[in-house]
Amino acid sequence: MVTDAPIPMRTDATILLAQWLSPAFPVGAFAYSSGLESAVAGGLTVDGLQDWLADFLVHGTGRSDAILIRAAAETDNAAEVDEVARAFCASRERLLETESIGRAFCLQLANVWNLPVANLSYPVALGQGLRALDLPVDLAIQMYLHAYVSNMIAAAQRLMPLGHTNGQRILTDLTPLCAEVAEETKGLGCDDITSQCFAADIAAMQHEVLSPRIFRT
């Protein structure tokens, strides 16, 4: 992929990744709960939240997205990886989430960094951005998963009596797991994608008819 953007130094790369994966980056991630809202409506409590998020990282979307980011960072054929990413969305709302956030992420890459990407799902868009600017993939995956969990905790704080301090404790406890998933997915490709988070997938499906609700997914 050809770009006019300068190749960042390693320190600058870390700062750039922090910018891309910050809650302030305008992709609208705050509007999505990945089915957490319906899980809470179905009885998920504060006591079960950390285990729910850990399973999400190790056995579900977290692991799958890590593999997709790696695959997208290693190929010029982003469309092929993107087809796989969309095919593995287990519900209409999961597809909506990755498409909408990915579209917004692509728009920022194009408008700010002059990267010719468009209409890619979120993990594929990130992988292509890493490839274009030669950014560290392992670090990016850790930060992506950390940002994902952080966003889910923020969603949980609007859905259940989870205080800020306890939310930060959960995020701190799960941070090493983000690094483990990044490490364990080294060398894996799209053929290695699986999901065993059936409860999370069902919750995402149930959210389509949940009423009232405050999140899009």
Protein backbone atom coordinates (compact mmCIF):
# COMPACT_ATOMS: atom_id res chain seq x y z
CA MET A 1 0.00 0.00 0.00
CA VAL A 2 1.47 3.37 -1.04
CA THR A 3 1.08 6.38 1.25
CA ASP A 4 2.55 9.85 1.51
CA ALA A 5 2.51 9.68 5.31
CA PRO A 6 5.95 9.48 6.97
CA ILE A 7 7.04 6.23 8.61
CA PRO A 8 6.97 6.85 12.37
CA MET A 9 9.84 6.13 14.76
CA ARG A 10 9.11 3.49 17.42
CA THR A 11 8.27 6.02 20.17
CA ASP A 12 6.08 7.94 17.77
CA ALA A 13 4.46 4.65 16.76
CA THR A 14 3.38 3.98 20.34
CA ILE A 15 1.90 7.47 20.59
CA LEU A 16 0.11 7.03 17.27
CA LEU A 17 -1.38 3.72 18.38
CA ALA A 18 -2.54 5.37 21.60
CA GLN A 19 -4.25 7.99 19.47
CA TRP A 20 -5.91 5.45 17.16
CA LEU A 21 -7.17 3.32 20.07
CA SER A 22 -8.13 6.15 22.39
CA PRO A 23 -11.80 6.60 23.41
CA ALA A 24 -11.45 10.08 21.91
CA PHE A 25 -10.74 8.70 18.42
CA PRO A 26 -13.95 9.43 16.48
CA VAL A 27 -15.18 5.94 15.58
CA GLY A 28 -18.22 5.86 17.86
CA ALA A 29 -17.20 2.76 19.83
CA PHE A 30 -19.03 4.13 22.90
CA ALA A 31 -22.35 3.37 21.18
CA TYR A 32 -21.79 -0.41 21.15
CA SER A 33 -21.83 -3.03 23.92
CA SER A 34 -21.23 -6.23 21.87
CA GLY A 35 -24.28 -7.85 23.43
CA LEU A 36 -23.32 -6.91 26.99
CA GLU A 37 -26.52 -4.91 27.41
CA SER A 38 -28.73 -7.92 26.76
CA ALA A 39 -26.48 -10.10 28.94
CA VAL A 40 -27.06 -7.69 31.84
CA ALA A 41 -30.78 -7.69 31.10
CA GLY A 42 -30.60 -11.48 31.27
CA GLY A 43 -28.95 -11.53 34.68
CA LEU A 44 -25.20 -10.89 34.28
CA THR A 45 -23.99 -9.15 37.44
CA VAL A 46 -20.89 -7.25 38.54
CA ASP A 47 -19.54 -10.47 40.06
CA GLY A 48 -19.63 -12.21 36.67
CA LEU A 49 -18.40 -9.33 34.52
CA GLN A 50 -14.68 -10.07 34.69
CA ASP A 51 -15.14 -13.72 33.73
CA TRP A 52 -17.46 -12.66 30.87
CA LEU A 53 -14.82 -10.28 29.51
CA ALA A 54 -12.01 -12.80 29.98
CA ASP A 55 -13.91 -15.40 27.94
CA PHE A 56 -14.55 -12.74 25.31
CA LEU A 57 -10.81 -12.13 25.04
CA VAL A 58 -9.57 -15.72 25.10
CA HIS A 59 -12.31 -17.66 23.35
CA GLY A 60 -14.33 -15.13 21.37
CA THR A 61 -14.13 -11.82 19.57
CA GLY A 62 -10.86 -10.79 21.21
CA ARG A 63 -8.92 -13.77 19.85
CA SER A 64 -10.65 -13.62 16.47
CA ASP A 65 -9.94 -9.91 16.05
CA ALA A 66 -6.30 -10.43 17.02
CA ILE A 67 -5.93 -12.99 14.22
CA LEU A 68 -7.74 -10.75 11.74
CA ILE A 69 -5.49 -7.80 12.60
CA ARG A 70 -2.42 -9.98 11.97
CA ALA A 71 -3.81 -11.29 8.70
CA ALA A 72 -4.70 -7.79 7.47
CA ALA A 73 -1.28 -6.45 8.45
CA GLU A 74 0.43 -9.12 6.36
CA THR A 75 -1.49 -8.86 3.08
CA ASP A 76 -2.14 -6.54 0.17
CA ASN A 77 -5.47 -8.31 -0.37
CA ALA A 78 -7.48 -6.68 2.40
CA ALA A 79 -10.76 -7.53 0.70
CA GLU A 80 -10.20 -11.26 1.18
CA VAL A 81 -9.48 -10.89 4.90
CA ASP A 82 -12.44 -8.54 5.22
CA GLU A 83 -14.77 -11.17 3.76
CA VAL A 84 -13.61 -13.59 6.44
CA ALA A 85 -14.11 -10.98 9.17
CA ARG A 86 -17.69 -10.35 8.09
CA ALA A 87 -18.46 -14.06 7.66
CA PHE A 88 -17.47 -14.77 11.26
CA CYS A 89 -19.88 -12.21 12.70
CA ALA A 90 -22.41 -14.36 14.52
CA SER A 91 -25.28 -11.87 14.39
CA ARG A 92 -26.63 -8.92 12.45
CA GLU A 93 -25.61 -6.50 15.18
CA ARG A 94 -22.06 -7.86 15.42
CA LEU A 95 -21.77 -7.19 11.70
CA LEU A 96 -23.22 -3.71 12.17
CA GLU A 97 -20.69 -2.99 14.91
CA THR A 98 -17.57 -4.02 13.03
CA GLU A 99 -18.78 -2.38 9.81
CA SER A 100 -19.73 0.93 11.41
CA ILE A 101 -16.61 1.31 13.55
CA GLY A 102 -14.44 0.10 10.66
CA ARG A 103 -15.99 2.59 8.26
CA ALA A 104 -15.34 5.46 10.67
CA PHE A 105 -11.77 4.25 11.30
CA CYS A 106 -11.08 4.09 7.55
CA LEU A 107 -12.42 7.60 7.15
CA GLN A 108 -9.94 8.94 9.70
CA LEU A 109 -7.03 7.03 8.12
CA ALA A 110 -7.90 8.48 4.73
CA ASN A 111 -8.55 12.06 5.83
CA VAL A 112 -5.73 12.48 8.35
CA TRP A 113 -2.99 10.08 7.17
CA ASN A 114 -3.85 9.87 3.45
CA LEU A 115 -4.17 6.10 3.56
CA PRO A 116 -6.27 4.65 0.70
CA VAL A 117 -8.55 2.42 2.76
CA ALA A 118 -12.35 2.36 2.77
CA ASN A 119 -15.28 0.23 3.92
CA LEU A 120 -13.25 -2.34 5.84
CA SER A 121 -14.36 -4.02 9.05
CA TYR A 122 -12.67 -2.65 12.15
CA PRO A 123 -9.87 -5.17 12.79
CA VAL A 124 -9.03 -5.34 9.07
CA ALA A 125 -8.89 -1.55 8.82
CA LEU A 126 -6.54 -1.43 11.79
CA GLY A 127 -4.33 -4.14 10.30
CA GLN A 128 -4.09 -2.26 7.01
CA GLY A 129 -3.16 0.91 8.87
CA LEU A 130 -0.40 -0.95 10.71
CA ARG A 131 0.89 -2.31 7.41
CA ALA A 132 0.87 1.06 5.68
CA LEU A 133 2.79 2.87 8.43
CA ASP A 134 4.98 -0.08 9.52
CA LEU A 135 3.61 -0.03 13.07
CA PRO A 136 4.33 -2.83 15.60
CA VAL A 137 1.59 -5.44 15.26
CA ASP A 138 2.09 -7.20 18.62
CA LEU A 139 1.86 -3.94 20.55
CA ALA A 140 -1.11 -2.81 18.47
CA ILE A 141 -3.04 -6.00 19.26
CA GLN A 142 -2.38 -5.65 22.98
CA MET A 143 -3.55 -2.05 22.88
CA TYR A 144 -6.57 -2.92 20.72
CA LEU A 145 -7.72 -5.61 23.17
CA HIS A 146 -7.07 -3.32 26.13
CA ALA A 147 -9.16 -0.59 24.47
CA TYR A 148 -11.90 -3.13 23.69
CA VAL A 149 -12.12 -4.24 27.31
CA SER A 150 -12.00 -0.63 28.51
CA ASN A 151 -14.93 0.23 26.25
CA MET A 152 -16.90 -2.76 27.54
CA ILE A 153 -16.24 -1.71 31.14
CA ALA A 154 -17.45 1.79 30.32
CA ALA A 155 -20.60 0.24 28.87
CA ALA A 156 -21.03 -1.89 31.99
CA GLN A 157 -20.84 1.21 34.17
CA ARG A 158 -23.96 2.49 32.43
CA LEU A 159 -25.74 -0.84 32.83
CA MET A 160 -24.91 -2.07 36.34
CA PRO A 161 -23.67 -0.73 39.69
CA LEU A 162 -19.99 -0.86 38.73
CA GLY A 163 -17.94 1.96 40.22
CA HIS A 164 -14.96 3.55 38.52
CA THR A 165 -12.45 2.05 40.95
CA ASN A 166 -13.77 -1.49 40.56
CA GLY A 167 -13.89 -0.96 36.79
CA GLN A 168 -10.21 -0.06 36.83
CA ARG A 169 -9.43 -3.09 38.97
CA ILE A 170 -11.08 -5.34 36.40
CA LEU A 171 -9.20 -3.64 33.56
CA THR A 172 -5.91 -4.02 35.43
CA ASP A 173 -6.58 -7.71 36.10
CA LEU A 174 -7.37 -8.34 32.41
CA THR A 175 -4.42 -6.39 30.99
CA PRO A 176 -1.99 -9.36 31.17
CA LEU A 177 -4.59 -11.44 29.35
CA CYS A 178 -4.52 -8.96 26.46
CA ALA A 179 -0.77 -9.55 26.15
CA GLU A 180 -1.26 -13.34 26.36
CA VAL A 181 -3.82 -13.34 23.54
CA ALA A 182 -1.49 -11.21 21.41
CA GLU A 183 1.35 -13.65 22.05
CA GLU A 184 -0.72 -16.81 21.51
CA THR A 185 -2.04 -15.61 18.15
CA LYS A 186 1.43 -15.14 16.64
CA GLY A 187 1.74 -17.18 13.47
CA LEU A 188 -2.01 -17.82 13.22
CA GLY A 189 -4.14 -17.00 10.20
CA CYS A 190 -7.76 -16.85 9.15
CA ASP A 191 -8.02 -20.66 9.07
CA ASP A 192 -7.35 -20.65 12.83
CA ILE A 193 -10.33 -18.47 13.75
CA THR A 194 -12.82 -20.13 16.08
CA SER A 195 -15.30 -18.95 18.71
CA GLN A 196 -16.53 -20.72 21.82
CA CYS A 197 -18.36 -17.78 23.41
CA PHE A 198 -21.82 -19.09 22.68
CA ALA A 199 -23.47 -17.13 25.50
CA ALA A 200 -21.97 -13.89 24.18
CA ASP A 201 -23.10 -14.70 20.64
CA ILE A 202 -26.62 -15.47 21.84
CA ALA A 203 -26.68 -12.27 23.88
CA ALA A 204 -25.70 -10.31 20.77
CA MET A 205 -28.58 -11.94 18.87
CA GLN A 206 -31.06 -11.26 21.67
CA HIS A 207 -30.10 -7.60 21.69
CA GLU A 208 -31.70 -7.19 18.27
CA VAL A 209 -35.14 -7.34 19.92
CA LEU A 210 -34.24 -5.92 23.34
CA SER A 211 -36.46 -3.05 24.45
CA PRO A 212 -35.76 -0.58 25.91
CA ARG A 213 -32.05 -0.32 25.18
CA ILE A 214 -29.35 2.36 25.13
CA PHE A 215 -26.67 0.73 22.96
CA ARG A 216 -26.78 -0.07 19.25
CA THR A 217 -25.53 -3.62 19.85
